[in-house]
Amino acid sequence: MKTIYFKRMLTMVCMSALLLTTVRAGRPAETAKSENEVKVKKILVVGLPDNVDSNFFPLSMIAEETGLPEDSIDYVYNRAVADNIVRANKDRRYQFLRVEGPSVSGWMERVSVKGEDEEAQYADLSQVDEAAYRQWMDTADADYVLLLNRHYLKWQEKPLRTLFHITSYSLYDNRHREVARGNHYFTSMALDNREQLEKDSRKTSSRIA
């Protein structure tokens, strides 16, 4: 009887110790998981100036066909894609914010767009003052900046008359380092007005996001 009693007591003590160890080990993991869930990465979306180009349409024709003022074409294209990126994002780990105006003009003037392939342009920040860039990102409390480098309107006659709207982008972190680059596109049969542009660019914008 004593042997059975001691065996039962030993079993209970071991189980209690195992349960206590499991609970204690689980607490940091749960805390870390909770901290990760609330940490949101902030991504600023910025369109570069004068970044609408075409192999066929001059800006005057784009303005005439779309009904946009010639000096507002880049603003409209940048805003359409940026707004769609903000709306398309469903991942709660990230927050996209559209940024424009004087707040970015201080360093963005020194951003150059490079790339031999007309469809894969990328932003080069090597001439941008790193300290000024970091200060801007710190002030905005941002983790990344997504640059809309170029909106290239590529017209082809054959095999079908098609207009490719190609948006190239670059992603930089808050330490002035490039993280990613790429491009996405959608097609249309002709140049569209602002409303149709916003509608047609939604899928492209969601892929970028």
Protein backbone atom coordinates (compact mmCIF):
# COMPACT_ATOMS: atom_id res chain seq x y z
CA MET A 1 0.00 0.00 0.00
CA LYS A 2 2.80 2.39 0.91
CA THR A 3 4.50 1.67 -2.39
CA ILE A 4 1.33 2.45 -4.36
CA TYR A 5 0.75 5.61 -2.29
CA PHE A 6 4.25 6.94 -2.93
CA LYS A 7 3.99 6.15 -6.64
CA ARG A 8 0.75 8.14 -6.87
CA MET A 9 2.25 11.07 -4.98
CA LEU A 10 5.35 11.05 -7.22
CA THR A 11 3.16 11.01 -10.32
CA MET A 12 1.11 13.97 -9.09
CA VAL A 13 4.22 15.98 -8.23
CA CYS A 14 5.74 15.33 -11.68
CA MET A 15 2.53 16.31 -13.45
CA SER A 16 2.24 19.52 -11.42
CA ALA A 17 5.85 20.44 -12.18
CA LEU A 18 5.33 19.77 -15.91
CA LEU A 19 2.15 21.86 -15.97
CA LEU A 20 3.85 24.76 -14.16
CA THR A 21 6.83 24.67 -16.56
CA THR A 22 4.49 24.66 -19.57
CA VAL A 23 2.51 27.63 -18.27
CA ARG A 24 5.64 29.62 -17.52
CA ALA A 25 7.17 28.79 -20.91
CA GLY A 26 3.97 29.77 -22.66
CA ARG A 27 3.69 33.25 -21.19
CA PRO A 28 6.63 34.90 -23.06
CA ALA A 29 5.48 33.40 -26.34
CA GLU A 30 1.96 34.72 -25.82
CA THR A 31 3.34 38.14 -24.88
CA ALA A 32 5.61 38.20 -27.93
CA LYS A 33 2.74 37.16 -30.16
CA SER A 34 0.56 39.93 -28.72
CA GLU A 35 3.32 42.50 -29.28
CA ASN A 36 3.78 41.38 -32.89
CA GLU A 37 0.08 41.65 -33.56
CA VAL A 38 -0.12 45.29 -32.51
CA LYS A 39 3.07 46.40 -34.29
CA VAL A 40 1.98 47.97 -37.57
CA LYS A 41 4.46 48.85 -40.31
CA LYS A 42 3.79 52.29 -41.80
CA ILE A 43 4.47 52.68 -45.54
CA LEU A 44 4.34 56.11 -47.17
CA VAL A 45 3.29 56.16 -50.84
CA VAL A 46 4.91 58.95 -52.85
CA GLY A 47 4.62 59.62 -56.57
CA LEU A 48 7.64 61.17 -58.27
CA PRO A 49 7.01 64.38 -60.24
CA ASP A 50 6.80 64.44 -64.04
CA ASN A 51 6.72 60.66 -64.18
CA VAL A 52 4.16 60.07 -66.95
CA ASP A 53 5.75 59.11 -70.27
CA SER A 54 4.80 57.31 -73.47
CA ASN A 55 6.32 55.81 -76.59
CA PHE A 56 3.49 57.32 -78.67
CA PHE A 57 1.46 59.97 -76.83
CA PRO A 58 2.94 63.40 -76.05
CA LEU A 59 1.63 65.08 -72.90
CA SER A 60 -0.45 67.48 -74.99
CA MET A 61 -2.33 64.55 -76.56
CA ILE A 62 -2.77 62.82 -73.19
CA ALA A 63 -4.27 66.04 -71.84
CA GLU A 64 -6.60 66.38 -74.84
CA GLU A 65 -7.79 62.76 -74.73
CA THR A 66 -8.27 62.56 -70.97
CA GLY A 67 -9.54 66.07 -70.31
CA LEU A 68 -6.79 66.67 -67.76
CA PRO A 69 -4.70 69.85 -67.54
CA GLU A 70 -1.26 69.06 -68.92
CA ASP A 71 0.51 70.19 -65.75
CA SER A 72 -1.70 67.89 -63.61
CA ILE A 73 -1.30 64.61 -65.50
CA ASP A 74 1.42 63.20 -63.22
CA TYR A 75 -0.53 64.29 -60.11
CA VAL A 76 -3.70 62.52 -61.29
CA TYR A 77 -1.88 59.30 -62.22
CA ASN A 78 0.09 59.24 -58.96
CA ARG A 79 -2.97 59.94 -56.86
CA ALA A 80 -5.12 57.32 -58.62
CA VAL A 81 -2.59 54.55 -58.00
CA ALA A 82 -1.67 55.73 -54.48
CA ASP A 83 -5.31 55.95 -53.36
CA ASN A 84 -6.02 52.50 -54.78
CA ILE A 85 -3.01 51.06 -52.94
CA VAL A 86 -4.30 52.52 -49.67
CA ARG A 87 -7.78 51.11 -50.26
CA ALA A 88 -6.56 47.74 -51.55
CA ASN A 89 -4.51 46.87 -48.49
CA LYS A 90 -6.26 44.31 -46.26
CA ASP A 91 -3.23 43.26 -44.23
CA ARG A 92 -3.50 44.74 -40.73
CA ARG A 93 0.25 44.42 -40.26
CA TYR A 94 0.77 47.29 -42.72
CA GLN A 95 -0.62 50.79 -43.08
CA PHE A 96 -0.25 52.61 -46.40
CA LEU A 97 -0.45 56.40 -46.37
CA ARG A 98 -0.46 58.67 -49.41
CA VAL A 99 1.98 61.57 -49.06
CA GLU A 100 2.45 64.54 -51.38
CA GLY A 101 3.29 68.24 -51.39
CA PRO A 102 6.10 70.30 -49.87
CA SER A 103 6.93 67.74 -47.17
CA VAL A 104 8.78 65.55 -49.69
CA SER A 105 10.18 68.18 -52.04
CA GLY A 106 13.26 68.73 -49.90
CA TRP A 107 14.87 65.40 -50.79
CA MET A 108 12.78 64.10 -53.68
CA GLU A 109 14.29 66.60 -56.10
CA ARG A 110 17.51 64.58 -56.00
CA VAL A 111 15.85 61.24 -56.75
CA SER A 112 16.75 59.96 -60.20
CA VAL A 113 14.98 57.25 -62.18
CA LYS A 114 17.20 54.71 -63.91
CA GLY A 115 16.94 51.48 -65.85
CA GLU A 116 17.73 50.46 -69.41
CA ASP A 117 14.44 48.63 -69.83
CA GLU A 118 11.68 51.15 -70.50
CA GLU A 119 9.25 48.95 -68.60
CA ALA A 120 11.37 48.44 -65.46
CA GLN A 121 12.48 51.81 -64.18
CA TYR A 122 13.71 52.14 -60.60
CA ALA A 123 14.40 55.00 -58.22
CA ASP A 124 18.01 55.80 -57.35
CA LEU A 125 18.49 57.59 -54.02
CA SER A 126 22.28 57.65 -54.07
CA GLN A 127 22.30 61.45 -54.51
CA VAL A 128 19.73 62.02 -51.76
CA ASP A 129 21.17 63.30 -48.48
CA GLU A 130 20.89 60.33 -46.15
CA ALA A 131 20.56 62.41 -42.99
CA ALA A 132 17.73 64.50 -44.45
CA TYR A 133 15.98 61.36 -45.67
CA ARG A 134 16.24 59.64 -42.29
CA GLN A 135 15.02 62.73 -40.47
CA TRP A 136 12.00 62.91 -42.78
CA MET A 137 11.20 59.25 -42.19
CA ASP A 138 11.68 59.59 -38.41
CA THR A 139 9.40 62.64 -38.32
CA ALA A 140 6.73 60.69 -40.18
CA ASP A 141 7.36 57.68 -37.90
CA ALA A 142 7.46 55.56 -41.07
CA ASP A 143 9.13 52.21 -41.72
CA TYR A 144 9.16 52.35 -45.53
CA VAL A 145 8.51 54.65 -48.47
CA LEU A 146 6.97 53.27 -51.67
CA LEU A 147 7.99 55.42 -54.63
CA LEU A 148 5.89 55.42 -57.79
CA ASN A 149 8.73 55.89 -60.24
CA ARG A 150 7.06 56.04 -63.62
CA HIS A 151 3.76 55.59 -65.42
CA TYR A 152 4.71 54.43 -68.90
CA LEU A 153 1.95 54.41 -71.52
CA LYS A 154 3.09 51.90 -74.12
CA TRP A 155 1.03 51.83 -77.30
CA GLN A 156 1.08 48.89 -79.71
CA GLU A 157 -0.72 48.52 -83.03
CA LYS A 158 -0.31 44.77 -83.54
CA PRO A 159 -1.60 42.15 -83.05
CA LEU A 160 -4.29 44.29 -81.38
CA ARG A 161 -4.42 48.00 -80.77
CA THR A 162 -3.64 48.09 -77.03
CA LEU A 163 -2.41 50.63 -74.53
CA PHE A 164 -0.31 49.21 -71.68
CA HIS A 165 -0.31 51.32 -68.50
CA ILE A 166 2.91 50.26 -66.77
CA THR A 167 3.63 51.53 -63.25
CA SER A 168 7.13 50.90 -61.90
CA TYR A 169 7.89 51.28 -58.21
CA SER A 170 10.70 51.11 -55.65
CA LEU A 171 10.46 50.35 -51.93
CA TYR A 172 12.99 51.85 -49.49
CA ASP A 173 13.23 51.38 -45.75
CA ASN A 174 13.70 54.15 -43.20
CA ARG A 175 17.47 53.64 -43.22
CA HIS A 176 17.83 54.70 -46.88
CA ARG A 177 18.15 51.13 -48.22
CA GLU A 178 16.29 49.68 -51.21
CA VAL A 179 14.11 46.72 -50.27
CA ALA A 180 12.27 45.90 -53.50
CA ARG A 181 11.49 47.11 -57.00
CA GLY A 182 9.14 46.01 -59.75
CA ASN A 183 6.30 46.96 -62.06
CA HIS A 184 2.69 46.04 -62.76
CA TYR A 185 0.38 47.00 -65.58
CA PHE A 186 -3.14 47.05 -66.89
CA THR A 187 -4.42 47.53 -70.43
CA SER A 188 -7.02 49.65 -72.17
CA MET A 189 -8.06 50.39 -75.71
CA ALA A 190 -7.44 54.14 -75.42
CA LEU A 191 -6.56 56.95 -73.03
CA ASP A 192 -9.24 57.23 -70.35
CA ASN A 193 -10.51 60.02 -68.14
CA ARG A 194 -9.77 60.29 -64.42
CA GLU A 195 -12.71 58.15 -63.26
CA GLN A 196 -11.94 55.30 -65.63
CA LEU A 197 -8.23 55.48 -64.79
CA GLU A 198 -8.99 55.05 -61.10
CA LYS A 199 -11.24 52.09 -61.85
CA ASP A 200 -8.89 50.35 -64.29
CA SER A 201 -5.82 50.74 -62.08
CA ARG A 202 -7.35 49.03 -59.05
CA LYS A 203 -6.01 45.54 -59.83
CA THR A 204 -2.55 46.87 -60.60
CA SER A 205 -2.56 48.85 -57.36
CA SER A 206 -3.66 45.86 -55.30
CA ARG A 207 -0.81 43.77 -56.75
CA ILE A 208 1.68 46.45 -55.76
CA ALA A 209 0.23 46.55 -52.25
